[in-house]
Every structure is written in structure tokens, then in C-alpha cells.
Amino acid sequence: MDKATTLAHLALAERHVARGYEHIASQIRIIASLANGGHDTAVAENLLATFEDIQKMHLADRDRLKKELAEYPR
């Protein structure tokens, strides 16, 4: 992959990471609201775990792209 393409992919990965943190924070609020209302939180907690797993993938992709960028000549 050339440097310009890598930069574009990195920008997309950064957006995915940012949105991932937003989804996780929102899901935590949803779980708290459900718990405060006395509702079952199992499905919401499973979804949170999925969001966290996806976030790990986004972070790994971002880190891989950063490493790849560091290997290009300046």
C-alpha cells in the first residue's frame, strides 16, 4: 500500500476508534438506566462486550497502520 492510501486508511481507522468509544459510553449509560429501572441488563451487557471486542479490533488496525506509516521514508 502506498503512503497516501495508508494515510487515508489511518484516518478512517481513527474515526472508527472515536465512534467506538462513543458507542461504548452510550451502551454503559443504557445499562445503568436499565439497572436503575430494575430491568434485566444481560442483553445490553452482551452488546457492550461485542462493542468492546470490536473496539479492540479497531485499535489494533489503527496501531498497525501507524506502524506501517512509520516505516515509510520521510
Protein backbone atom coordinates (compact mmCIF):
# COMPACT_ATOMS: atom_id res chain seq x y z
CA MET A 1 0.00 0.00 0.00
CA ASP A 2 1.35 3.46 -0.81
CA LYS A 3 1.71 6.21 1.78
CA ALA A 4 -1.35 8.19 0.63
CA THR A 5 -3.58 5.13 0.85
CA THR A 6 -2.16 4.23 4.24
CA LEU A 7 -2.89 7.76 5.47
CA ALA A 8 -6.46 7.52 4.20
CA HIS A 9 -6.92 4.16 5.92
CA LEU A 10 -5.45 5.56 9.12
CA ALA A 11 -7.90 8.48 9.06
CA LEU A 12 -10.77 6.02 8.67
CA ALA A 13 -9.41 3.84 11.48
CA GLU A 14 -9.17 6.89 13.75
CA ARG A 15 -12.83 7.68 13.03
CA HIS A 16 -13.77 4.09 13.83
CA VAL A 17 -11.90 4.29 17.14
CA ALA A 18 -13.62 7.55 18.07
CA ARG A 19 -17.07 6.22 17.19
CA GLY A 20 -16.29 3.01 19.06
CA TYR A 21 -15.64 4.94 22.25
CA GLU A 22 -18.93 6.80 21.74
CA HIS A 23 -20.84 3.53 21.29
CA ILE A 24 -19.24 2.03 24.40
CA ALA A 25 -20.04 5.09 26.51
CA SER A 26 -23.62 5.12 25.26
CA GLN A 27 -24.06 1.43 25.99
CA ILE A 28 -22.73 1.89 29.51
CA ARG A 29 -25.33 4.62 30.05
CA ILE A 30 -28.05 2.33 28.69
CA ILE A 31 -27.00 -0.46 31.06
CA ALA A 32 -27.06 1.93 34.01
CA SER A 33 -30.50 3.18 33.04
CA LEU A 34 -31.83 -0.35 32.70
CA ALA A 35 -30.32 -1.36 36.04
CA ASN A 36 -31.73 1.72 37.76
CA GLY A 37 -35.15 0.83 36.39
CA GLY A 38 -34.88 -2.70 37.71
CA HIS A 39 -34.65 -4.25 34.24
CA ASP A 40 -32.56 -7.17 33.06
CA THR A 41 -29.25 -5.92 31.65
CA ALA A 42 -27.93 -9.21 30.22
CA VAL A 43 -28.60 -8.43 26.55
CA ALA A 44 -27.26 -4.89 26.91
CA GLU A 45 -24.15 -6.19 28.66
CA ASN A 46 -23.59 -8.74 25.88
CA LEU A 47 -23.86 -5.95 23.34
CA LEU A 48 -21.35 -3.90 25.34
CA ALA A 49 -18.94 -6.84 25.27
CA THR A 50 -19.35 -7.02 21.50
CA PHE A 51 -18.66 -3.28 21.19
CA GLU A 52 -15.54 -3.70 23.34
CA ASP A 53 -14.31 -6.59 21.17
CA ILE A 54 -14.87 -4.56 18.02
CA GLN A 55 -13.06 -1.61 19.61
CA LYS A 56 -10.03 -3.83 20.25
CA MET A 57 -10.01 -4.68 16.54
CA HIS A 58 -10.28 -1.00 15.57
CA LEU A 59 -7.41 -0.12 17.91
CA ALA A 60 -5.25 -2.93 16.53
CA ASP A 61 -5.97 -1.81 12.97
CA ARG A 62 -5.11 1.79 13.82
CA ASP A 63 -1.90 0.76 15.54
CA ARG A 64 -0.91 -1.44 12.60
CA LEU A 65 -1.44 1.43 10.19
CA LYS A 66 0.58 3.80 12.39
CA LYS A 67 3.41 1.29 12.43
CA GLU A 68 3.21 0.90 8.68
CA LEU A 69 3.33 4.69 8.24
CA ALA A 70 6.42 4.90 10.46
CA GLU A 71 8.22 2.57 8.06
CA TYR A 72 7.83 4.91 5.07
CA PRO A 73 10.77 7.16 4.26
CA ARG A 74 10.20 10.70 5.46
